[in-house]
Each structure stands twice: as structure tokens, then as C-alpha cells.
C-alpha atoms as a PDB file:
ATOM      1  CA  MET A   1     -18.528  -7.857  -9.538  1.00  0.00           C
ATOM      2  CA  ARG A   2     -20.900 -10.476  -7.968  1.00  0.00           C
ATOM      3  CA  THR A   3     -20.895 -11.533  -4.554  1.00  0.00           C
ATOM      4  CA  LYS A   4     -22.905 -14.025  -2.361  1.00  0.00           C
ATOM      5  CA  ALA A   5     -25.022 -11.189  -1.474  1.00  0.00           C
ATOM      6  CA  VAL A   6     -25.808  -7.752  -3.537  1.00  0.00           C
ATOM      7  CA  ALA A   7     -27.571  -4.848  -2.415  1.00  0.00           C
ATOM      8  CA  THR A   8     -30.159  -4.875  -5.228  1.00  0.00           C
ATOM      9  CA  THR A   9     -32.791  -2.143  -4.082  1.00  0.00           C
ATOM     10  CA  ALA A  10     -29.541   0.115  -3.735  1.00  0.00           C
ATOM     11  CA  LEU A  11     -28.024  -1.138  -7.399  1.00  0.00           C
ATOM     12  CA  LEU A  12     -31.772  -0.253  -8.633  1.00  0.00           C
ATOM     13  CA  ALA A  13     -31.324   3.197  -6.786  1.00  0.00           C
ATOM     14  CA  LEU A  14     -28.523   3.906  -8.317  1.00  0.00           C
ATOM     15  CA  GLY A  15     -28.847   2.300 -12.152  1.00  0.00           C
ATOM     16  CA  LEU A  16     -26.771   0.755 -14.090  1.00  0.00           C
ATOM     17  CA  THR A  17     -24.859   4.120 -15.873  1.00  0.00           C
ATOM     18  CA  ALA A  18     -24.329   5.312 -12.046  1.00  0.00           C
ATOM     19  CA  CYS A  19     -21.720   2.546 -11.148  1.00  0.00           C
ATOM     20  CA  GLY A  20     -20.083   2.762 -14.670  1.00  0.00           C
ATOM     21  CA  ALA A  21     -19.362   4.369 -18.265  1.00  0.00           C
ATOM     22  CA  GLU A  22     -21.622   2.964 -20.927  1.00  0.00           C
ATOM     23  CA  ILE A  23     -19.327  -0.183 -22.477  1.00  0.00           C
ATOM     24  CA  ALA A  24     -18.537   0.075 -25.966  1.00  0.00           C
ATOM     25  CA  PRO A  25     -18.977  -2.540 -28.194  1.00  0.00           C
ATOM     26  CA  GLN A  26     -15.680  -3.776 -29.441  1.00  0.00           C
ATOM     27  CA  GLU A  27     -15.318  -3.437 -25.081  1.00  0.00           C
ATOM     28  CA  ALA A  28     -18.398  -6.000 -24.779  1.00  0.00           C
ATOM     29  CA  ALA A  29     -17.092  -8.371 -26.994  1.00  0.00           C
ATOM     30  CA  THR A  30     -13.696  -8.583 -25.269  1.00  0.00           C
ATOM     31  CA  ALA A  31     -15.682  -8.350 -21.970  1.00  0.00           C
ATOM     32  CA  SER A  32     -17.545 -11.621 -22.886  1.00  0.00           C
ATOM     33  CA  ALA A  33     -14.159 -13.310 -23.979  1.00  0.00           C
ATOM     34  CA  HIS A  34     -12.627 -12.932 -20.450  1.00  0.00           C
ATOM     35  CA  TYR A  35     -15.540 -12.128 -17.916  1.00  0.00           C
ATOM     36  CA  PRO A  36     -16.399 -13.408 -15.521  1.00  0.00           C
ATOM     37  CA  VAL A  37     -13.351 -13.495 -13.292  1.00  0.00           C
ATOM     38  CA  THR A  38     -12.906 -14.957 -10.207  1.00  0.00           C
ATOM     39  CA  VAL A  39     -10.277 -13.913  -7.780  1.00  0.00           C
ATOM     40  CA  ARG A  40      -9.440 -14.187  -3.927  1.00  0.00           C
ATOM     41  CA  ASN A  41      -9.059 -11.145  -2.150  1.00  0.00           C
ATOM     42  CA  CYS A  42      -8.580 -11.191   1.685  1.00  0.00           C
ATOM     43  CA  GLY A  43      -9.836 -14.583   1.970  1.00  0.00           C
ATOM     44  CA  ASP A  44     -13.025 -13.446  -0.103  1.00  0.00           C
ATOM     45  CA  GLU A  45     -13.804 -15.022  -3.391  1.00  0.00           C
ATOM     46  CA  LEU A  46     -14.723 -12.015  -5.797  1.00  0.00           C
ATOM     47  CA  THR A  47     -15.883 -12.455  -9.114  1.00  0.00           C
ATOM     48  CA  PHE A  48     -16.364  -9.711 -11.772  1.00  0.00           C
ATOM     49  CA  ASP A  49     -18.753  -9.707 -14.420  1.00  0.00           C
ATOM     50  CA  ARG A  50     -16.852  -7.167 -16.334  1.00  0.00           C
ATOM     51  CA  LYS A  51     -14.003  -4.798 -16.347  1.00  0.00           C
ATOM     52  CA  PRO A  52     -15.189  -2.267 -13.845  1.00  0.00           C
ATOM     53  CA  ALA A  53     -14.706   1.065 -15.288  1.00  0.00           C
ATOM     54  CA  ARG A  54     -14.943   4.049 -12.465  1.00  0.00           C
ATOM     55  CA  VAL A  55     -12.723   3.238  -9.819  1.00  0.00           C
ATOM     56  CA  VAL A  56     -11.743   5.559  -6.837  1.00  0.00           C
ATOM     57  CA  THR A  57      -8.335   4.453  -5.243  1.00  0.00           C
ATOM     58  CA  ASN A  58      -7.217   5.637  -1.761  1.00  0.00           C
ATOM     59  CA  ASP A  59      -3.992   6.291  -0.664  1.00  0.00           C
ATOM     60  CA  VAL A  60      -0.933   7.281  -3.179  1.00  0.00           C
ATOM     61  CA  GLY A  61       0.823   3.307  -3.161  1.00  0.00           C
ATOM     62  CA  ILE A  62      -2.464   1.869  -4.094  1.00  0.00           C
ATOM     63  CA  THR A  63      -3.217   4.529  -6.645  1.00  0.00           C
ATOM     64  CA  GLU A  64       0.303   3.592  -8.018  1.00  0.00           C
ATOM     65  CA  LEU A  65      -0.791  -0.199  -8.349  1.00  0.00           C
ATOM     66  CA  MET A  66      -3.223   1.239 -10.680  1.00  0.00           C
ATOM     67  CA  LEU A  67      -1.141   3.390 -12.803  1.00  0.00           C
ATOM     68  CA  SER A  68       1.947   1.027 -12.980  1.00  0.00           C
ATOM     69  CA  LEU A  69      -0.407  -1.196 -14.909  1.00  0.00           C
ATOM     70  CA  GLY A  70      -1.466   1.381 -17.294  1.00  0.00           C
ATOM     71  CA  LEU A  71      -5.456   1.517 -15.867  1.00  0.00           C
ATOM     72  CA  ALA A  72      -5.952   5.213 -15.391  1.00  0.00           C
ATOM     73  CA  ASP A  73      -8.245   5.192 -17.975  1.00  0.00           C
ATOM     74  CA  ARG A  74     -10.644   2.544 -15.699  1.00  0.00           C
ATOM     75  CA  MET A  75      -9.990   5.481 -12.759  1.00  0.00           C
ATOM     76  CA  ALA A  76     -12.686   8.013 -11.946  1.00  0.00           C
ATOM     77  CA  GLY A  77     -10.320   9.546  -9.676  1.00  0.00           C
ATOM     78  CA  TYR A  78      -7.944   8.679  -6.766  1.00  0.00           C
ATOM     79  CA  VAL A  79      -8.044  10.336  -2.898  1.00  0.00           C
ATOM     80  CA  MET A  80      -4.443  11.463  -0.934  1.00  0.00           C
ATOM     81  CA  PRO A  81      -2.355  13.913   0.856  1.00  0.00           C
ATOM     82  CA  ASP A  82      -0.048  15.570  -0.938  1.00  0.00           C
ATOM     83  CA  ASP A  83       2.575  14.693   0.912  1.00  0.00           C
ATOM     84  CA  LYS A  84       3.128  11.251   0.836  1.00  0.00           C
ATOM     85  CA  GLY A  85       6.451  11.430  -1.890  1.00  0.00           C
ATOM     86  CA  ARG A  86       6.857  12.853  -5.014  1.00  0.00           C
ATOM     87  CA  ILE A  87       4.517  11.998  -8.388  1.00  0.00           C
ATOM     88  CA  ASP A  88       6.268  13.592 -10.774  1.00  0.00           C
ATOM     89  CA  LYS A  89       9.296  11.291 -10.596  1.00  0.00           C
ATOM     90  CA  VAL A  90       7.287   8.079 -11.100  1.00  0.00           C
ATOM     91  CA  ALA A  91       7.427   6.105 -14.856  1.00  0.00           C
ATOM     92  CA  TRP A  92       3.645   6.382 -14.083  1.00  0.00           C
ATOM     93  CA  LYS A  93       3.550   9.932 -13.760  1.00  0.00           C
ATOM     94  CA  ASP A  94       1.576  10.817 -16.866  1.00  0.00           C
ATOM     95  CA  GLY A  95      -1.228   8.266 -15.501  1.00  0.00           C
ATOM     96  CA  TYR A  96      -2.034  11.033 -12.634  1.00  0.00           C
ATOM     97  CA  GLN A  97      -3.147  13.736 -15.460  1.00  0.00           C
ATOM     98  CA  GLN A  98      -5.314  11.404 -16.862  1.00  0.00           C
ATOM     99  CA  THR A  99      -7.279  11.108 -13.730  1.00  0.00           C
ATOM    100  CA  ALA A 100      -8.862  13.595 -10.978  1.00  0.00           C
ATOM    101  CA  TRP A 101      -7.641  14.535  -7.989  1.00  0.00           C
ATOM    102  CA  LEU A 102     -10.589  14.086  -5.748  1.00  0.00           C
ATOM    103  CA  SER A 103      -9.862  15.062  -2.209  1.00  0.00           C
ATOM    104  CA  LYS A 104      -6.450  15.679  -0.311  1.00  0.00           C
ATOM    105  CA  GLN A 105      -8.116  14.345   2.659  1.00  0.00           C
ATOM    106  CA  GLN A 106      -9.805  10.281   3.061  1.00  0.00           C
ATOM    107  CA  ILE A 107     -12.335   8.702   1.341  1.00  0.00           C
ATOM    108  CA  THR A 108     -15.941   9.015   2.382  1.00  0.00           C
ATOM    109  CA  LYS A 109     -18.952   7.205   0.949  1.00  0.00           C
ATOM    110  CA  GLU A 110     -20.084  10.832  -0.890  1.00  0.00           C
ATOM    111  CA  ILE A 111     -17.075  11.220  -2.596  1.00  0.00           C
ATOM    112  CA  ALA A 112     -17.613   7.410  -3.928  1.00  0.00           C
ATOM    113  CA  LEU A 113     -21.126   8.103  -4.524  1.00  0.00           C
ATOM    114  CA  ASP A 114     -20.062  11.469  -6.743  1.00  0.00           C
ATOM    115  CA  ALA A 115     -17.545   9.891  -8.964  1.00  0.00           C
ATOM    116  CA  ARG A 116     -19.944   7.224 -10.318  1.00  0.00           C
ATOM    117  CA  ALA A 117     -17.515   5.028  -8.881  1.00  0.00           C
ATOM    118  CA  ASP A 118     -18.390   1.063  -9.569  1.00  0.00           C
ATOM    119  CA  LEU A 119     -15.292  -0.398  -7.438  1.00  0.00           C
ATOM    120  CA  VAL A 120     -13.150   1.460  -4.577  1.00  0.00           C
ATOM    121  CA  PHE A 121     -10.090   0.141  -3.995  1.00  0.00           C
ATOM    122  CA  ALA A 122      -8.455   0.824  -0.533  1.00  0.00           C
ATOM    123  CA  GLY A 123      -7.277  -0.856   2.279  1.00  0.00           C
ATOM    124  CA  TRP A 124      -7.733  -1.580   5.994  1.00  0.00           C
ATOM    125  CA  HIS A 125      -5.814   1.633   7.710  1.00  0.00           C
ATOM    126  CA  TYR A 126      -5.506   2.853   3.683  1.00  0.00           C
ATOM    127  CA  GLY A 127      -8.819   4.369   3.679  1.00  0.00           C
ATOM    128  CA  PHE A 128     -11.264   1.479   5.076  1.00  0.00           C
ATOM    129  CA  ASP A 129     -12.311   2.379   8.614  1.00  0.00           C
ATOM    130  CA  GLU A 130     -15.386   1.153  11.070  1.00  0.00           C
ATOM    131  CA  GLY A 131     -14.803   4.186  12.996  1.00  0.00           C
ATOM    132  CA  ARG A 132     -16.219   6.179   9.916  1.00  0.00           C
ATOM    133  CA  GLY A 133     -18.482   3.927   8.810  1.00  0.00           C
ATOM    134  CA  VAL A 134     -16.296   3.600   5.835  1.00  0.00           C
ATOM    135  CA  THR A 135     -15.933  -0.140   5.247  1.00  0.00           C
ATOM    136  CA  PRO A 136     -16.342  -2.709   1.789  1.00  0.00           C
ATOM    137  CA  GLN A 137     -19.899  -3.793   3.586  1.00  0.00           C
ATOM    138  CA  ALA A 138     -20.995   0.350   3.209  1.00  0.00           C
ATOM    139  CA  PHE A 139     -19.838   0.248   0.320  1.00  0.00           C
ATOM    140  CA  LYS A 140     -21.611  -2.872  -0.949  1.00  0.00           C
ATOM    141  CA  ALA A 141     -24.955  -1.277   0.503  1.00  0.00           C
ATOM    142  CA  LEU A 142     -24.352   1.571  -2.138  1.00  0.00           C
ATOM    143  CA  GLY A 143     -24.162  -0.897  -5.324  1.00  0.00           C
ATOM    144  CA  ILE A 144     -20.234  -0.239  -4.976  1.00  0.00           C
ATOM    145  CA  ASP A 145     -17.871  -2.938  -5.294  1.00  0.00           C
ATOM    146  CA  SER A 146     -14.362  -3.090  -2.940  1.00  0.00           C
ATOM    147  CA  TYR A 147     -11.188  -4.265  -3.416  1.00  0.00           C
ATOM    148  CA  VAL A 148      -8.533  -4.825  -0.357  1.00  0.00           C
ATOM    149  CA  LEU A 149      -5.368  -4.036  -0.485  1.00  0.00           C
ATOM    150  CA  SER A 150      -3.438  -7.232   0.295  1.00  0.00           C
ATOM    151  CA  GLU A 151      -0.920  -5.398   2.657  1.00  0.00           C
ATOM    152  CA  SER A 152      -3.718  -4.652   5.034  1.00  0.00           C
ATOM    153  CA  CYS A 153      -5.449  -7.665   5.285  1.00  0.00           C
ATOM    154  CA  ARG A 154      -7.121  -8.619   8.855  1.00  0.00           C
ATOM    155  CA  SER A 155      -5.397 -11.956  10.552  1.00  0.00           C
ATOM    156  CA  GLY A 156      -8.674 -12.686  12.010  1.00  0.00           C
ATOM    157  CA  LYS A 157      -7.155 -11.678  15.518  1.00  0.00           C
ATOM    158  CA  GLY A 158      -9.217  -8.700  15.621  1.00  0.00           C
ATOM    159  CA  THR A 159      -7.673  -5.295  13.577  1.00  0.00           C
ATOM    160  CA  GLU A 160      -4.349  -7.082  13.362  1.00  0.00           C
ATOM    161  CA  ARG A 161      -3.535  -6.927   9.829  1.00  0.00           C
ATOM    162  CA  GLY A 162      -0.940  -9.444   7.719  1.00  0.00           C
ATOM    163  CA  VAL A 163      -1.930 -12.710   6.119  1.00  0.00           C
ATOM    164  CA  MET A 164       0.746 -13.340   3.837  1.00  0.00           C
ATOM    165  CA  ASP A 165       4.594 -11.740   3.550  1.00  0.00           C
ATOM    166  CA  PRO A 166       4.500  -8.270   2.384  1.00  0.00           C
ATOM    167  CA  LEU A 167       6.256  -8.549  -1.278  1.00  0.00           C
ATOM    168  CA  GLU A 168       3.545 -11.698  -1.702  1.00  0.00           C
ATOM    169  CA  ALA A 169       1.237  -9.560  -1.308  1.00  0.00           C
ATOM    170  CA  LEU A 170       2.555  -6.805  -3.714  1.00  0.00           C
ATOM    171  CA  TYR A 171       2.771 -10.075  -6.743  1.00  0.00           C
ATOM    172  CA  THR A 172      -0.895 -11.107  -5.426  1.00  0.00           C
ATOM    173  CA  ASP A 173      -2.560  -7.463  -6.022  1.00  0.00           C
ATOM    174  CA  LEU A 174      -0.733  -7.266  -9.255  1.00  0.00           C
ATOM    175  CA  ALA A 175      -1.569 -10.446 -10.443  1.00  0.00           C
ATOM    176  CA  ASN A 176      -5.546  -9.753  -9.439  1.00  0.00           C
ATOM    177  CA  LEU A 177      -5.542  -6.838 -11.030  1.00  0.00           C
ATOM    178  CA  GLY A 178      -4.330  -8.358 -14.170  1.00  0.00           C
ATOM    179  CA  GLU A 179      -7.119 -10.261 -14.066  1.00  0.00           C
ATOM    180  CA  ILE A 180      -9.993  -8.097 -12.720  1.00  0.00           C
ATOM    181  CA  PHE A 181      -8.765  -5.593 -15.371  1.00  0.00           C
ATOM    182  CA  ASP A 182      -7.847  -7.810 -18.412  1.00  0.00           C
ATOM    183  CA  VAL A 183      -3.994  -6.407 -18.526  1.00  0.00           C
ATOM    184  CA  LYS A 184      -2.298 -10.295 -17.482  1.00  0.00           C
ATOM    185  CA  ASP A 185       0.111  -9.806 -19.998  1.00  0.00           C
ATOM    186  CA  ARG A 186       1.265  -6.592 -18.356  1.00  0.00           C
ATOM    187  CA  ALA A 187       0.772  -7.673 -14.527  1.00  0.00           C
ATOM    188  CA  ASP A 188       2.880 -10.917 -15.336  1.00  0.00           C
ATOM    189  CA  LYS A 189       5.853  -8.805 -17.134  1.00  0.00           C
ATOM    190  CA  LEU A 190       5.766  -5.749 -14.105  1.00  0.00           C
ATOM    191  CA  ILE A 191       6.319  -8.919 -11.537  1.00  0.00           C
ATOM    192  CA  ALA A 192       8.601 -10.839 -13.180  1.00  0.00           C
ATOM    193  CA  ASP A 193      10.566  -6.944 -13.539  1.00  0.00           C
ATOM    194  CA  PHE A 194      10.201  -6.572 -10.145  1.00  0.00           C
ATOM    195  CA  LYS A 195      11.385  -9.917  -8.851  1.00  0.00           C
ATOM    196  CA  ALA A 196      14.600  -9.719 -11.281  1.00  0.00           C
ATOM    197  CA  GLN A 197      15.204  -5.942 -10.039  1.00  0.00           C
ATOM    198  CA  ILE A 198      14.711  -7.504  -6.325  1.00  0.00           C
ATOM    199  CA  ALA A 199      17.013 -10.484  -6.540  1.00  0.00           C
ATOM    200  CA  ALA A 200      20.030  -8.756  -8.239  1.00  0.00           C
ATOM    201  CA  VAL A 201      20.660  -6.494  -4.721  1.00  0.00           C
ATOM    202  CA  PRO A 202      23.845  -7.999  -3.203  1.00  0.00           C
ATOM    203  CA  GLN A 203      23.295  -9.428   0.045  1.00  0.00           C
ATOM    204  CA  PRO A 204      25.625  -8.181   2.627  1.00  0.00           C
ATOM    205  CA  GLY A 205      27.654 -10.884   4.620  1.00  0.00           C
ATOM    206  CA  ARG A 206      26.519  -9.183   7.904  1.00  0.00           C
ATOM    207  CA  ARG A 207      22.683  -7.741   8.352  1.00  0.00           C
ATOM    208  CA  PRO A 208      22.766  -4.744  10.116  1.00  0.00           C
ATOM    209  CA  SER A 209      19.862  -4.252  12.665  1.00  0.00           C
ATOM    210  CA  VAL A 210      17.240  -1.613  11.603  1.00  0.00           C
ATOM    211  CA  PHE A 211      14.633   0.069  13.483  1.00  0.00           C
ATOM    212  CA  LEU A 212      11.433   1.759  11.029  1.00  0.00           C
ATOM    213  CA  TYR A 213      10.417   5.129  12.650  1.00  0.00           C
ATOM    214  CA  ASP A 214       6.840   5.982  11.116  1.00  0.00           C
ATOM    215  CA  SER A 215       5.601   8.670  14.253  1.00  0.00           C
ATOM    216  CA  GLY A 216       4.709   9.379  17.949  1.00  0.00           C
ATOM    217  CA  GLN A 217       6.638  10.539  21.274  1.00  0.00           C
ATOM    218  CA  ASP A 218       5.050   8.549  23.534  1.00  0.00           C
ATOM    219  CA  LYS A 219       5.498   5.731  21.963  1.00  0.00           C
ATOM    220  CA  PRO A 220       6.887   4.894  18.821  1.00  0.00           C
ATOM    221  CA  TYR A 221       4.940   3.893  15.450  1.00  0.00           C
ATOM    222  CA  THR A 222       6.629   1.533  13.212  1.00  0.00           C
ATOM    223  CA  ALA A 223       7.109  -1.669  11.174  1.00  0.00           C
ATOM    224  CA  GLY A 224       5.597  -5.342  12.238  1.00  0.00           C
ATOM    225  CA  LYS A 225       6.349  -8.433  10.596  1.00  0.00           C
ATOM    226  CA  PHE A 226       3.666  -7.648   8.087  1.00  0.00           C
ATOM    227  CA  ALA A 227       4.268  -3.970   6.952  1.00  0.00           C
ATOM    228  CA  ALA A 228       5.689  -3.422   3.304  1.00  0.00           C
ATOM    229  CA  ALA A 229       8.565  -2.141   5.583  1.00  0.00           C
ATOM    230  CA  ASN A 230       9.536  -5.184   7.198  1.00  0.00           C
ATOM    231  CA  GLU A 231      10.653  -6.873   3.998  1.00  0.00           C
ATOM    232  CA  ILE A 232      11.775  -4.340   2.470  1.00  0.00           C
ATOM    233  CA  ILE A 233      14.866  -4.279   5.036  1.00  0.00           C
ATOM    234  CA  ALA A 234      14.939  -7.681   4.744  1.00  0.00           C
ATOM    235  CA  LYS A 235      15.486  -8.013   0.996  1.00  0.00           C
ATOM    236  CA  ALA A 236      17.813  -4.823   1.369  1.00  0.00           C
ATOM    237  CA  GLY A 237      20.419  -6.863   3.795  1.00  0.00           C
ATOM    238  CA  GLY A 238      18.702  -5.676   7.379  1.00  0.00           C
ATOM    239  CA  THR A 239      16.585  -6.908   9.994  1.00  0.00           C
ATOM    240  CA  ASN A 240      14.159  -5.256  11.746  1.00  0.00           C
ATOM    241  CA  VAL A 241      14.521  -5.067  14.985  1.00  0.00           C
ATOM    242  CA  MET A 242      10.598  -5.324  15.136  1.00  0.00           C
ATOM    243  CA  GLY A 243       9.980  -8.012  12.877  1.00  0.00           C
ATOM    244  CA  ASP A 244       8.846 -10.694  15.851  1.00  0.00           C
ATOM    245  CA  LEU A 245       5.440  -8.579  15.934  1.00  0.00           C
ATOM    246  CA  THR A 246       2.562 -10.163  14.190  1.00  0.00           C
ATOM    247  CA  ASP A 247       0.871  -7.245  12.608  1.00  0.00           C
ATOM    248  CA  SER A 248       1.559  -4.480  10.004  1.00  0.00           C
ATOM    249  CA  TRP A 249       2.000  -0.959  11.391  1.00  0.00           C
ATOM    250  CA  VAL A 250       2.330  -0.913  15.109  1.00  0.00           C
ATOM    251  CA  THR A 251       2.790   0.756  18.097  1.00  0.00           C
ATOM    252  CA  ALA A 252       5.711  -0.386  20.552  1.00  0.00           C
ATOM    253  CA  GLY A 253       7.466   1.010  23.337  1.00  0.00           C
ATOM    254  CA  TRP A 254      10.687   2.794  23.480  1.00  0.00           C
ATOM    255  CA  GLU A 255      12.076   0.643  26.169  1.00  0.00           C
ATOM    256  CA  SER A 256      12.119  -2.110  23.450  1.00  0.00           C
ATOM    257  CA  VAL A 257      13.972  -0.062  20.991  1.00  0.00           C
ATOM    258  CA  VAL A 258      16.490   0.494  23.476  1.00  0.00           C
ATOM    259  CA  GLN A 259      16.656  -3.080  24.533  1.00  0.00           C
ATOM    260  CA  ARG A 260      17.170  -4.165  20.726  1.00  0.00           C
ATOM    261  CA  ASP A 261      19.470  -1.511  19.825  1.00  0.00           C
ATOM    262  CA  PRO A 262      19.067  -1.158  16.380  1.00  0.00           C
ATOM    263  CA  GLU A 263      22.272   0.085  14.020  1.00  0.00           C
ATOM    264  CA  VAL A 264      20.120   2.302  11.586  1.00  0.00           C
ATOM    265  CA  ILE A 265      17.091   4.117  12.037  1.00  0.00           C
ATOM    266  CA  VAL A 266      14.531   4.565   8.976  1.00  0.00           C
ATOM    267  CA  ILE A 267      12.761   7.557   9.266  1.00  0.00           C
ATOM    268  CA  ASN A 268       8.996   7.490   6.962  1.00  0.00           C
ATOM    269  CA  ASP A 269       8.959  10.827   5.485  1.00  0.00           C
ATOM    270  CA  TYR A 270       5.257  12.238   5.344  1.00  0.00           C
ATOM    271  CA  ALA A 271       3.016  14.591   7.111  1.00  0.00           C
ATOM    272  CA  THR A 272       3.738  17.220   9.916  1.00  0.00           C
ATOM    273  CA  PRO A 273       6.237  16.685  11.831  1.00  0.00           C
ATOM    274  CA  GLY A 274       8.505  16.147   8.343  1.00  0.00           C
ATOM    275  CA  ALA A 275      11.690  13.994   8.661  1.00  0.00           C
ATOM    276  CA  GLU A 276      13.850  16.850   9.588  1.00  0.00           C
ATOM    277  CA  GLU A 277      11.603  17.584  13.069  1.00  0.00           C
ATOM    278  CA  LYS A 278      11.423  13.412  13.561  1.00  0.00           C
ATOM    279  CA  ARG A 279      15.351  13.336  13.085  1.00  0.00           C
ATOM    280  CA  LYS A 280      15.972  15.917  15.907  1.00  0.00           C
ATOM    281  CA  PHE A 281      13.295  14.562  18.336  1.00  0.00           C
ATOM    282  CA  LEU A 282      14.846  11.345  17.955  1.00  0.00           C
ATOM    283  CA  LYS A 283      18.677  12.368  18.097  1.00  0.00           C
ATOM    284  CA  THR A 284      17.614  14.424  21.355  1.00  0.00           C
ATOM    285  CA  PHE A 285      15.191  11.904  23.200  1.00  0.00           C
ATOM    286  CA  PRO A 286      16.906  11.491  26.330  1.00  0.00           C
ATOM    287  CA  ALA A 287      16.093   7.380  26.278  1.00  0.00           C
ATOM    288  CA  LEU A 288      18.085   6.967  22.873  1.00  0.00           C
ATOM    289  CA  ALA A 289      21.204   8.758  23.568  1.00  0.00           C
ATOM    290  CA  ASN A 290      22.800   5.325  23.861  1.00  0.00           C
ATOM    291  CA  VAL A 291      21.454   3.455  21.228  1.00  0.00           C
ATOM    292  CA  SER A 292      23.630   2.558  18.506  1.00  0.00           C
ATOM    293  CA  ALA A 293      22.287   4.288  15.438  1.00  0.00           C
ATOM    294  CA  ILE A 294      21.876   7.634  17.629  1.00  0.00           C
ATOM    295  CA  ARG A 295      25.523   7.709  18.426  1.00  0.00           C
ATOM    296  CA  ASN A 296      26.717   6.962  15.146  1.00  0.00           C
ATOM    297  CA  ASP A 297      24.271   9.365  13.530  1.00  0.00           C
ATOM    298  CA  ARG A 298      22.770   6.512  11.100  1.00  0.00           C
ATOM    299  CA  ILE A 299      19.538   7.694  10.087  1.00  0.00           C
ATOM    300  CA  PHE A 300      17.968   7.355   6.572  1.00  0.00           C
ATOM    301  CA  VAL A 301      15.084   8.915   5.283  1.00  0.00           C
ATOM    302  CA  MET A 302      12.535   7.459   3.065  1.00  0.00           C
ATOM    303  CA  ASP A 303       9.077   8.672   1.545  1.00  0.00           C
ATOM    304  CA  TYR A 304       5.850   6.982   2.739  1.00  0.00           C
ATOM    305  CA  VAL A 305       5.382   5.381  -0.108  1.00  0.00           C
ATOM    306  CA  ASP A 306       8.331   3.455  -0.220  1.00  0.00           C
ATOM    307  CA  LEU A 307       7.401   1.911   2.694  1.00  0.00           C
ATOM    308  CA  VAL A 308       3.878   1.021   1.914  1.00  0.00           C
ATOM    309  CA  GLU A 309       3.224  -1.702  -0.711  1.00  0.00           C
ATOM    310  CA  SER A 310       3.692   0.017  -3.784  1.00  0.00           C
ATOM    311  CA  PRO A 311       5.533  -0.342  -7.372  1.00  0.00           C
ATOM    312  CA  ARG A 312       8.271   1.758  -5.637  1.00  0.00           C
ATOM    313  CA  ASN A 313       9.040  -1.024  -3.462  1.00  0.00           C
ATOM    314  CA  PRO A 314      11.551  -2.747  -5.615  1.00  0.00           C
ATOM    315  CA  ALA A 315      13.880   0.727  -6.133  1.00  0.00           C
ATOM    316  CA  ALA A 316      13.310   1.530  -2.096  1.00  0.00           C
ATOM    317  CA  ILE A 317      14.639  -1.717  -1.644  1.00  0.00           C
ATOM    318  CA  SER A 318      17.721  -1.019  -4.126  1.00  0.00           C
ATOM    319  CA  ALA A 319      18.338   2.720  -2.162  1.00  0.00           C
ATOM    320  CA  LEU A 320      18.114   1.160   1.641  1.00  0.00           C
ATOM    321  CA  ALA A 321      20.740  -1.448   0.598  1.00  0.00           C
ATOM    322  CA  GLU A 322      23.102   0.848  -0.857  1.00  0.00           C
ATOM    323  CA  TYR A 323      23.438   2.589   2.590  1.00  0.00           C
ATOM    324  CA  LEU A 324      23.507  -0.572   4.760  1.00  0.00           C
ATOM    325  CA  ARG A 325      26.632  -1.314   3.096  1.00  0.00           C
ATOM    326  CA  THR A 326      28.016   1.443   4.518  1.00  0.00           C
ATOM    327  CA  VAL A 327      27.349   0.495   7.952  1.00  0.00           C
ATOM    328  CA  PRO A 328      30.453  -0.953   9.417  1.00  0.00           C
ATOM    329  CA  ALA A 329      30.513  -4.408  12.000  1.00  0.00           C
ATOM    330  CA  ARG A 330      30.133  -3.545  15.634  1.00  0.00           C
END
């Protein structure tokens, strides 16, 4: 990939073979016909001179964007915990077997270098972290390019994330990956299928109010306007009570939850504590005792990977919509 500034010394030190596999003659011919290609990613223009050959992905949703497009053969491996959703129940489960599970922790510069990565696909709060020094700029200094998950794009107001509607972020990333890896037909079909699946979800006459509970006891971590969960709730026929917060995943206050009195609480199930422990906390937390969702025991559990930008979003919308249709009028 070409960018405005390239860390030449790092590239020379690593060598061309350190970043990718050797290109076969037939692939080189294809590359010359399609490349270079330029895409916009979080406001920046990224230009690729050839198809990335050794991609390292961070987190389950990001990994499955690659796998859903049939790009396991372009991956050096993936980094993600094993508690964010079943990976043996998806259409692209074979793709997981075709690439390496590099770590169950979080991506580091050392992991990318050991994998001889030529591209890291991660996001802000999905691997990229200034506190750990794991940023697109840090990888660039090592001669490794980066692509940032569009759901996590920063708005320019500090570390707030979100520059487009979450499903638009999903479609943007699929379209960009289609260009970057020369699989535009696959990407276009997937986008069209997802849009059709979501459009077919029946919309209710009344939209139940929903609170997304991710984690936190002193203060809840939840989904704002630019989190994928916000649009999943909306397309399923509900209203996110925290949808006015102009961020993606964000900390709120319990007073706000009580004041907005959600009819349904959706639990984001991952890591520890698990869904049942979260449910027990919510049902026994005194401040929530009079909230409609608690009084009527309307708590719906969804996997983490359903609620972040991923190719599982359309199915998640259908599942939540089915549940919301059972919610009676107040």
C-alpha cells in the first residue's frame, strides 16, 4: 500500500518477503490489471499496489468480515479471545480452520511481526490502543499497513468513535475489502443479501424501548448512537434508550437508565461475568427494581459478535425482532 509517508528504513530492514508471500506469476498478472486501488478508510485514502497476502485480524467480528468474503487464504492469522461467540455455527466456519489462531489475548506488534504480516485489520478499542502503543502509526513504522474497522472510526472529538451509521460501516468495510482483495463481486452479493435480509424483517406498529447492557456495576457500559448494537435494535423494531449518545460503546449512568425506563434489556454475552451472572446482577440491583424490563423479566441475551460490526448483524436483527414482537404495550 502507498501512503503519504512510508517508513522506508523499516521496509528495507524487514524486506519484501517479511511482509508477504511470494506472488505467483498468474497472481502478478491479475494484480497488474486491478491494482493500484484506493479506498477511503476513516477519512484517509489508502492505496494498495497489490493484494495483501498476510493479513492479521483482531477480534471476532473483524475476522469474520474477512472469512465471509472467502479470504482465509489471504490471512496469516487472527487474534481474539474464545468467549465472544461460537465459531463452529457459522457459514464460514471452515475459514477458521484454514488460518491460524495466533493469540487469545490482544494483538501486539510482536504478533504481527512474527506472523510476517503485511496488513493489520483492527479497530479503535478493537485492538488499536494508544496506551499499549498499538496503533496504525506504530505498525506503519514497522512497514506493516493497517485498515481500521469503520464502526470504530474516531469522530475527531477526542477518542469518541463513530462517523457513520453502523450498518453503513458494515457495508463500507465489505465494499472496501472487495476492492482491496479484488473480490468485488463477492462483496456486492454479500451486501445485497444482507440488505434484503434486513429489509424483510417485519416492523412493529409500536417500538419497544431497549437498554443494551454490556458490563459494569458502578456504571453501565452500553451502546450509543454509533455502536452496531444501536442500529441492530432499530432495525429489529426497537428504540435504543441510549441512542442519543454520540459515541459507539460508552459509559453511562444508572440514573439515566432508570429515568428512561426501558421495556427490554439486551445483555451482551461475553467474557466474565457471563450472561447469567449479569442477569442476576440486573434483577437484584435495587436501583433497577422499578424499571419495566426488570419488573416484567424481559431480558434478552445476545452474543458479543452479534452486537459489534460483523457479518452476523443481519441474523442478529432477525432474532431480536422476533423477541421484540412478543413485548406487549405498556
